Amino acid sequence: MKRILVILMFAVMSLNALALDLWVKGGVVQGAGSEKTEEMGYNAGLELSQGILGFVDLGAGVAYNGNLK
C-alpha cells in the first residue's frame, strides 16, 4: 500500500513539475441538418496541454459526441 501511495504522489508531483494542464469539457449541442434540425446531443472531452512560450499551448485530447435518444 505504501508503494502505491508513493508512486501516486510521485506521478502528481511530476505533472506539477512539467506544468501540464488537464481540461475536462462538456456540453449540450443542437445539430442543424441540411433541411431540418437534428436531435439534441451532448459532448464530453478531456484534454492535456502544456504551455510552451507563455502564449502558446501544445496539447492533445479526446472527445465523445453522443445524442440524447
PDB file of N, CA and C in Angstrom:
ATOM      1  N   MET A   1       0.813  -1.191   0.000  1.00  0.00           N
ATOM      2  CA  MET A   1       0.000   0.000   0.000  1.00  0.00           C
ATOM      3  C   MET A   1       0.857   1.256   0.000  1.00  0.00           C
ATOM      4  N   LYS A   2       1.933   1.224   0.781  1.00  0.00           N
ATOM      5  CA  LYS A   2       2.830   2.382   0.826  1.00  0.00           C
ATOM      6  C   LYS A   2       3.472   2.625  -0.537  1.00  0.00           C
ATOM      7  N   ARG A   3       3.827   1.550  -1.221  1.00  0.00           N
ATOM      8  CA  ARG A   3       4.476   1.668  -2.519  1.00  0.00           C
ATOM      9  C   ARG A   3       3.540   2.335  -3.535  1.00  0.00           C
ATOM     10  N   ILE A   4       2.272   1.937  -3.532  1.00  0.00           N
ATOM     11  CA  ILE A   4       1.293   2.539  -4.451  1.00  0.00           C
ATOM     12  C   ILE A   4       1.099   4.015  -4.134  1.00  0.00           C
ATOM     13  N   LEU A   5       1.036   4.355  -2.848  1.00  0.00           N
ATOM     14  CA  LEU A   5       0.874   5.748  -2.439  1.00  0.00           C
ATOM     15  C   LEU A   5       2.071   6.593  -2.863  1.00  0.00           C
ATOM     16  N   VAL A   6       3.272   6.063  -2.709  1.00  0.00           N
ATOM     17  CA  VAL A   6       4.478   6.792  -3.116  1.00  0.00           C
ATOM     18  C   VAL A   6       4.500   6.990  -4.626  1.00  0.00           C
ATOM     19  N   ILE A   7       4.128   5.974  -5.392  1.00  0.00           N
ATOM     20  CA  ILE A   7       4.096   6.091  -6.854  1.00  0.00           C
ATOM     21  C   ILE A   7       3.060   7.118  -7.281  1.00  0.00           C
ATOM     22  N   LEU A   8       1.888   7.109  -6.647  1.00  0.00           N
ATOM     23  CA  LEU A   8       0.845   8.079  -6.965  1.00  0.00           C
ATOM     24  C   LEU A   8       1.295   9.504  -6.644  1.00  0.00           C
ATOM     25  N   MET A   9       1.921   9.697  -5.501  1.00  0.00           N
ATOM     26  CA  MET A   9       2.417  11.035  -5.131  1.00  0.00           C
ATOM     27  C   MET A   9       3.495  11.500  -6.107  1.00  0.00           C
ATOM     28  N   PHE A  10       4.370  10.602  -6.526  1.00  0.00           N
ATOM     29  CA  PHE A  10       5.407  10.951  -7.490  1.00  0.00           C
ATOM     30  C   PHE A  10       4.800  11.367  -8.825  1.00  0.00           C
ATOM     31  N   ALA A  11       3.747  10.655  -9.254  1.00  0.00           N
ATOM     32  CA  ALA A  11       3.093  10.992 -10.518  1.00  0.00           C
ATOM     33  C   ALA A  11       2.449  12.374 -10.442  1.00  0.00           C
ATOM     34  N   VAL A  12       1.794  12.688  -9.348  1.00  0.00           N
ATOM     35  CA  VAL A  12       1.167  14.008  -9.196  1.00  0.00           C
ATOM     36  C   VAL A  12       2.217  15.106  -9.175  1.00  0.00           C
ATOM     37  N   MET A  13       3.314  14.897  -8.463  1.00  0.00           N
ATOM     38  CA  MET A  13       4.378  15.908  -8.416  1.00  0.00           C
ATOM     39  C   MET A  13       5.061  16.056  -9.768  1.00  0.00           C
ATOM     40  N   SER A  14       5.173  14.977 -10.535  1.00  0.00           N
ATOM     41  CA  SER A  14       5.782  15.064 -11.860  1.00  0.00           C
ATOM     42  C   SER A  14       4.927  15.905 -12.795  1.00  0.00           C
ATOM     43  N   LEU A  15       3.601  15.741 -12.743  1.00  0.00           N
ATOM     44  CA  LEU A  15       2.720  16.573 -13.561  1.00  0.00           C
ATOM     45  C   LEU A  15       2.855  18.034 -13.179  1.00  0.00           C
ATOM     46  N   ASN A  16       3.008  18.316 -11.901  1.00  0.00           N
ATOM     47  CA  ASN A  16       3.165  19.692 -11.451  1.00  0.00           C
ATOM     48  C   ASN A  16       4.502  20.265 -11.935  1.00  0.00           C
ATOM     49  N   ALA A  17       5.554  19.473 -11.927  1.00  0.00           N
ATOM     50  CA  ALA A  17       6.867  19.944 -12.371  1.00  0.00           C
ATOM     51  C   ALA A  17       6.873  20.250 -13.865  1.00  0.00           C
ATOM     52  N   LEU A  18       6.107  19.510 -14.654  1.00  0.00           N
ATOM     53  CA  LEU A  18       6.043  19.748 -16.087  1.00  0.00           C
ATOM     54  C   LEU A  18       5.033  20.830 -16.457  1.00  0.00           C
ATOM     55  N   ALA A  19       4.271  21.302 -15.494  1.00  0.00           N
ATOM     56  CA  ALA A  19       3.244  22.332 -15.697  1.00  0.00           C
ATOM     57  C   ALA A  19       2.223  21.893 -16.748  1.00  0.00           C
ATOM     58  N   LEU A  20       1.763  20.660 -16.636  1.00  0.00           N
ATOM     59  CA  LEU A  20       0.743  20.151 -17.541  1.00  0.00           C
ATOM     60  C   LEU A  20      -0.635  20.582 -17.045  1.00  0.00           C
ATOM     61  N   ASP A  21      -1.500  20.935 -17.972  1.00  0.00           N
ATOM     62  CA  ASP A  21      -2.866  21.318 -17.649  1.00  0.00           C
ATOM     63  C   ASP A  21      -3.809  20.224 -18.133  1.00  0.00           C
ATOM     64  N   LEU A  22      -4.768  19.864 -17.310  1.00  0.00           N
ATOM     65  CA  LEU A  22      -5.780  18.877 -17.662  1.00  0.00           C
ATOM     66  C   LEU A  22      -7.117  19.589 -17.715  1.00  0.00           C
ATOM     67  N   TRP A  23      -7.767  19.544 -18.874  1.00  0.00           N
ATOM     68  CA  TRP A  23      -9.043  20.220 -19.087  1.00  0.00           C
ATOM     69  C   TRP A  23     -10.131  19.182 -19.286  1.00  0.00           C
ATOM     70  N   VAL A  24     -11.229  19.340 -18.577  1.00  0.00           N
ATOM     71  CA  VAL A  24     -12.404  18.494 -18.738  1.00  0.00           C
ATOM     72  C   VAL A  24     -13.506  19.382 -19.289  1.00  0.00           C
ATOM     73  N   LYS A  25     -14.062  19.001 -20.430  1.00  0.00           N
ATOM     74  CA  LYS A  25     -15.052  19.828 -21.106  1.00  0.00           C
ATOM     75  C   LYS A  25     -16.313  19.026 -21.379  1.00  0.00           C
ATOM     76  N   GLY A  26     -17.437  19.712 -21.423  1.00  0.00           N
ATOM     77  CA  GLY A  26     -18.685  19.050 -21.736  1.00  0.00           C
ATOM     78  C   GLY A  26     -19.736  20.066 -22.129  1.00  0.00           C
ATOM     79  N   GLY A  27     -20.774  19.595 -22.769  1.00  0.00           N
ATOM     80  CA  GLY A  27     -21.837  20.498 -23.156  1.00  0.00           C
ATOM     81  C   GLY A  27     -22.963  19.786 -23.875  1.00  0.00           C
ATOM     82  N   VAL A  28     -24.008  20.555 -24.125  1.00  0.00           N
ATOM     83  CA  VAL A  28     -25.170  20.068 -24.861  1.00  0.00           C
ATOM     84  C   VAL A  28     -25.211  20.814 -26.184  1.00  0.00           C
ATOM     85  N   VAL A  29     -25.407  20.089 -27.279  1.00  0.00           N
ATOM     86  CA  VAL A  29     -25.408  20.702 -28.606  1.00  0.00           C
ATOM     87  C   VAL A  29     -26.695  20.370 -29.332  1.00  0.00           C
ATOM     88  N   GLN A  30     -27.094  21.263 -30.208  1.00  0.00           N
ATOM     89  CA  GLN A  30     -28.252  21.025 -31.067  1.00  0.00           C
ATOM     90  C   GLN A  30     -27.757  21.109 -32.492  1.00  0.00           C
ATOM     91  N   GLY A  31     -27.682  19.970 -33.160  1.00  0.00           N
ATOM     92  CA  GLY A  31     -27.167  19.916 -34.518  1.00  0.00           C
ATOM     93  C   GLY A  31     -28.157  20.476 -35.515  1.00  0.00           C
ATOM     94  N   ALA A  32     -27.660  20.983 -36.609  1.00  0.00           N
ATOM     95  CA  ALA A  32     -28.512  21.502 -37.678  1.00  0.00           C
ATOM     96  C   ALA A  32     -28.235  20.711 -38.939  1.00  0.00           C
ATOM     97  N   GLY A  33     -29.244  20.033 -39.438  1.00  0.00           N
ATOM     98  CA  GLY A  33     -29.103  19.262 -40.663  1.00  0.00           C
ATOM     99  C   GLY A  33     -29.277  20.163 -41.867  1.00  0.00           C
ATOM    100  N   SER A  34     -29.280  19.577 -43.043  1.00  0.00           N
ATOM    101  CA  SER A  34     -29.405  20.373 -44.262  1.00  0.00           C
ATOM    102  C   SER A  34     -30.804  20.950 -44.432  1.00  0.00           C
ATOM    103  N   GLU A  35     -31.837  20.193 -44.073  1.00  0.00           N
ATOM    104  CA  GLU A  35     -33.201  20.682 -44.246  1.00  0.00           C
ATOM    105  C   GLU A  35     -33.959  20.818 -42.937  1.00  0.00           C
ATOM    106  N   LYS A  36     -33.598  20.029 -41.945  1.00  0.00           N
ATOM    107  CA  LYS A  36     -34.307  20.093 -40.672  1.00  0.00           C
ATOM    108  C   LYS A  36     -33.302  20.033 -39.520  1.00  0.00           C
ATOM    109  N   THR A  37     -33.726  20.478 -38.380  1.00  0.00           N
ATOM    110  CA  THR A  37     -32.871  20.437 -37.202  1.00  0.00           C
ATOM    111  C   THR A  37     -32.781  19.010 -36.691  1.00  0.00           C
ATOM    112  N   GLU A  38     -31.581  18.546 -36.456  1.00  0.00           N
ATOM    113  CA  GLU A  38     -31.384  17.190 -35.954  1.00  0.00           C
ATOM    114  C   GLU A  38     -31.632  17.146 -34.454  1.00  0.00           C
ATOM    115  N   GLU A  39     -31.612  15.961 -33.884  1.00  0.00           N
ATOM    116  CA  GLU A  39     -31.891  15.776 -32.467  1.00  0.00           C
ATOM    117  C   GLU A  39     -30.792  16.371 -31.594  1.00  0.00           C
ATOM    118  N   MET A  40     -31.172  16.694 -30.363  1.00  0.00           N
ATOM    119  CA  MET A  40     -30.219  17.237 -29.386  1.00  0.00           C
ATOM    120  C   MET A  40     -29.158  16.182 -29.072  1.00  0.00           C
ATOM    121  N   GLY A  41     -27.988  16.637 -28.712  1.00  0.00           N
ATOM    122  CA  GLY A  41     -26.910  15.730 -28.364  1.00  0.00           C
ATOM    123  C   GLY A  41     -26.048  16.327 -27.271  1.00  0.00           C
ATOM    124  N   TYR A  42     -24.987  15.636 -26.945  1.00  0.00           N
ATOM    125  CA  TYR A  42     -24.055  16.114 -25.926  1.00  0.00           C
ATOM    126  C   TYR A  42     -22.637  15.781 -26.356  1.00  0.00           C
ATOM    127  N   ASN A  43     -21.674  16.445 -25.724  1.00  0.00           N
ATOM    128  CA  ASN A  43     -20.287  16.107 -25.959  1.00  0.00           C
ATOM    129  C   ASN A  43     -19.524  16.167 -24.638  1.00  0.00           C
ATOM    130  N   ALA A  44     -18.510  15.337 -24.522  1.00  0.00           N
ATOM    131  CA  ALA A  44     -17.650  15.280 -23.353  1.00  0.00           C
ATOM    132  C   ALA A  44     -16.220  15.136 -23.847  1.00  0.00           C
ATOM    133  N   GLY A  45     -15.318  15.910 -23.267  1.00  0.00           N
ATOM    134  CA  GLY A  45     -13.944  15.870 -23.739  1.00  0.00           C
ATOM    135  C   GLY A  45     -12.938  15.955 -22.608  1.00  0.00           C
ATOM    136  N   LEU A  46     -11.734  15.507 -22.895  1.00  0.00           N
ATOM    137  CA  LEU A  46     -10.622  15.526 -21.966  1.00  0.00           C
ATOM    138  C   LEU A  46      -9.389  15.956 -22.755  1.00  0.00           C
ATOM    139  N   GLU A  47      -8.670  16.954 -22.257  1.00  0.00           N
ATOM    140  CA  GLU A  47      -7.524  17.485 -22.990  1.00  0.00           C
ATOM    141  C   GLU A  47      -6.364  17.704 -22.033  1.00  0.00           C
ATOM    142  N   LEU A  48      -5.163  17.380 -22.477  1.00  0.00           N
ATOM    143  CA  LEU A  48      -3.940  17.573 -21.715  1.00  0.00           C
ATOM    144  C   LEU A  48      -3.053  18.508 -22.519  1.00  0.00           C
ATOM    145  N   SER A  49      -2.605  19.605 -21.907  1.00  0.00           N
ATOM    146  CA  SER A  49      -1.797  20.568 -22.646  1.00  0.00           C
ATOM    147  C   SER A  49      -0.663  21.097 -21.776  1.00  0.00           C
ATOM    148  N   GLN A  50       0.310  21.720 -22.452  1.00  0.00           N
ATOM    149  CA  GLN A  50       1.449  22.301 -21.764  1.00  0.00           C
ATOM    150  C   GLN A  50       1.794  23.613 -22.444  1.00  0.00           C
ATOM    151  N   GLY A  51       2.012  24.657 -21.645  1.00  0.00           N
ATOM    152  CA  GLY A  51       2.429  25.942 -22.189  1.00  0.00           C
ATOM    153  C   GLY A  51       3.869  25.883 -22.658  1.00  0.00           C
ATOM    154  N   ILE A  52       4.133  26.462 -23.843  1.00  0.00           N
ATOM    155  CA  ILE A  52       5.478  26.382 -24.403  1.00  0.00           C
ATOM    156  C   ILE A  52       6.206  27.724 -24.310  1.00  0.00           C
ATOM    157  N   LEU A  53       5.639  28.767 -24.875  1.00  0.00           N
ATOM    158  CA  LEU A  53       6.301  30.066 -24.912  1.00  0.00           C
ATOM    159  C   LEU A  53       5.609  31.116 -24.044  1.00  0.00           C
ATOM    160  N   GLY A  54       4.688  30.718 -23.241  1.00  0.00           N
ATOM    161  CA  GLY A  54       3.945  31.667 -22.442  1.00  0.00           C
ATOM    162  C   GLY A  54       2.623  32.048 -23.083  1.00  0.00           C
ATOM    163  N   PHE A  55       2.561  32.041 -24.399  1.00  0.00           N
ATOM    164  CA  PHE A  55       1.320  32.372 -25.095  1.00  0.00           C
ATOM    165  C   PHE A  55       0.891  31.258 -26.049  1.00  0.00           C
ATOM    166  N   VAL A  56       1.621  30.164 -26.092  1.00  0.00           N
ATOM    167  CA  VAL A  56       1.296  29.032 -26.960  1.00  0.00           C
ATOM    168  C   VAL A  56       1.120  27.787 -26.093  1.00  0.00           C
ATOM    169  N   ASP A  57       0.022  27.076 -26.302  1.00  0.00           N
ATOM    170  CA  ASP A  57      -0.210  25.801 -25.628  1.00  0.00           C
ATOM    171  C   ASP A  57      -0.176  24.689 -26.662  1.00  0.00           C
ATOM    172  N   LEU A  58       0.477  23.598 -26.324  1.00  0.00           N
ATOM    173  CA  LEU A  58       0.530  22.423 -27.181  1.00  0.00           C
ATOM    174  C   LEU A  58      -0.084  21.273 -26.405  1.00  0.00           C
ATOM    175  N   GLY A  59      -1.038  20.582 -27.026  1.00  0.00           N
ATOM    176  CA  GLY A  59      -1.694  19.513 -26.292  1.00  0.00           C
ATOM    177  C   GLY A  59      -2.409  18.537 -27.198  1.00  0.00           C
ATOM    178  N   ALA A  60      -3.032  17.569 -26.550  1.00  0.00           N
ATOM    179  CA  ALA A  60      -3.811  16.555 -27.258  1.00  0.00           C
ATOM    180  C   ALA A  60      -5.010  16.211 -26.397  1.00  0.00           C
ATOM    181  N   GLY A  61      -6.057  15.744 -27.059  1.00  0.00           N
ATOM    182  CA  GLY A  61      -7.246  15.411 -26.303  1.00  0.00           C
ATOM    183  C   GLY A  61      -8.155  14.458 -27.043  1.00  0.00           C
ATOM    184  N   VAL A  62      -9.172  14.019 -26.333  1.00  0.00           N
ATOM    185  CA  VAL A  62     -10.182  13.142 -26.908  1.00  0.00           C
ATOM    186  C   VAL A  62     -11.549  13.710 -26.557  1.00  0.00           C
ATOM    187  N   ALA A  63     -12.519  13.436 -27.424  1.00  0.00           N
ATOM    188  CA  ALA A  63     -13.888  13.899 -27.191  1.00  0.00           C
ATOM    189  C   ALA A  63     -14.867  12.839 -27.656  1.00  0.00           C
ATOM    190  N   TYR A  64     -16.034  12.837 -27.037  1.00  0.00           N
ATOM    191  CA  TYR A  64     -17.100  11.918 -27.406  1.00  0.00           C
ATOM    192  C   TYR A  64     -18.350  12.732 -27.686  1.00  0.00           C
ATOM    193  N   ASN A  65     -18.973  12.500 -28.820  1.00  0.00           N
ATOM    194  CA  ASN A  65     -20.227  13.144 -29.180  1.00  0.00           C
ATOM    195  C   ASN A  65     -21.313  12.080 -29.199  1.00  0.00           C
ATOM    196  N   GLY A  66     -22.390  12.339 -28.469  1.00  0.00           N
ATOM    197  CA  GLY A  66     -23.494  11.398 -28.415  1.00  0.00           C
ATOM    198  C   GLY A  66     -24.808  12.122 -28.621  1.00  0.00           C
ATOM    199  N   ASN A  67     -25.890  11.378 -28.738  1.00  0.00           N
ATOM    200  CA  ASN A  67     -27.194  12.016 -28.873  1.00  0.00           C
ATOM    201  C   ASN A  67     -28.079  11.582 -27.702  1.00  0.00           C
ATOM    202  N   LEU A  68     -29.084  12.382 -27.407  1.00  0.00           N
ATOM    203  CA  LEU A  68     -29.936  12.173 -26.250  1.00  0.00           C
ATOM    204  C   LEU A  68     -31.188  11.389 -26.595  1.00  0.00           C
ATOM    205  N   LYS A  69     -31.073  10.272 -27.248  1.00  0.00           N
ATOM    206  CA  LYS A  69     -32.231   9.456 -27.614  1.00  0.00           C
ATOM    207  C   LYS A  69     -32.756   8.726 -26.417  1.00  0.00           C
TER     208      LYS A  69
END
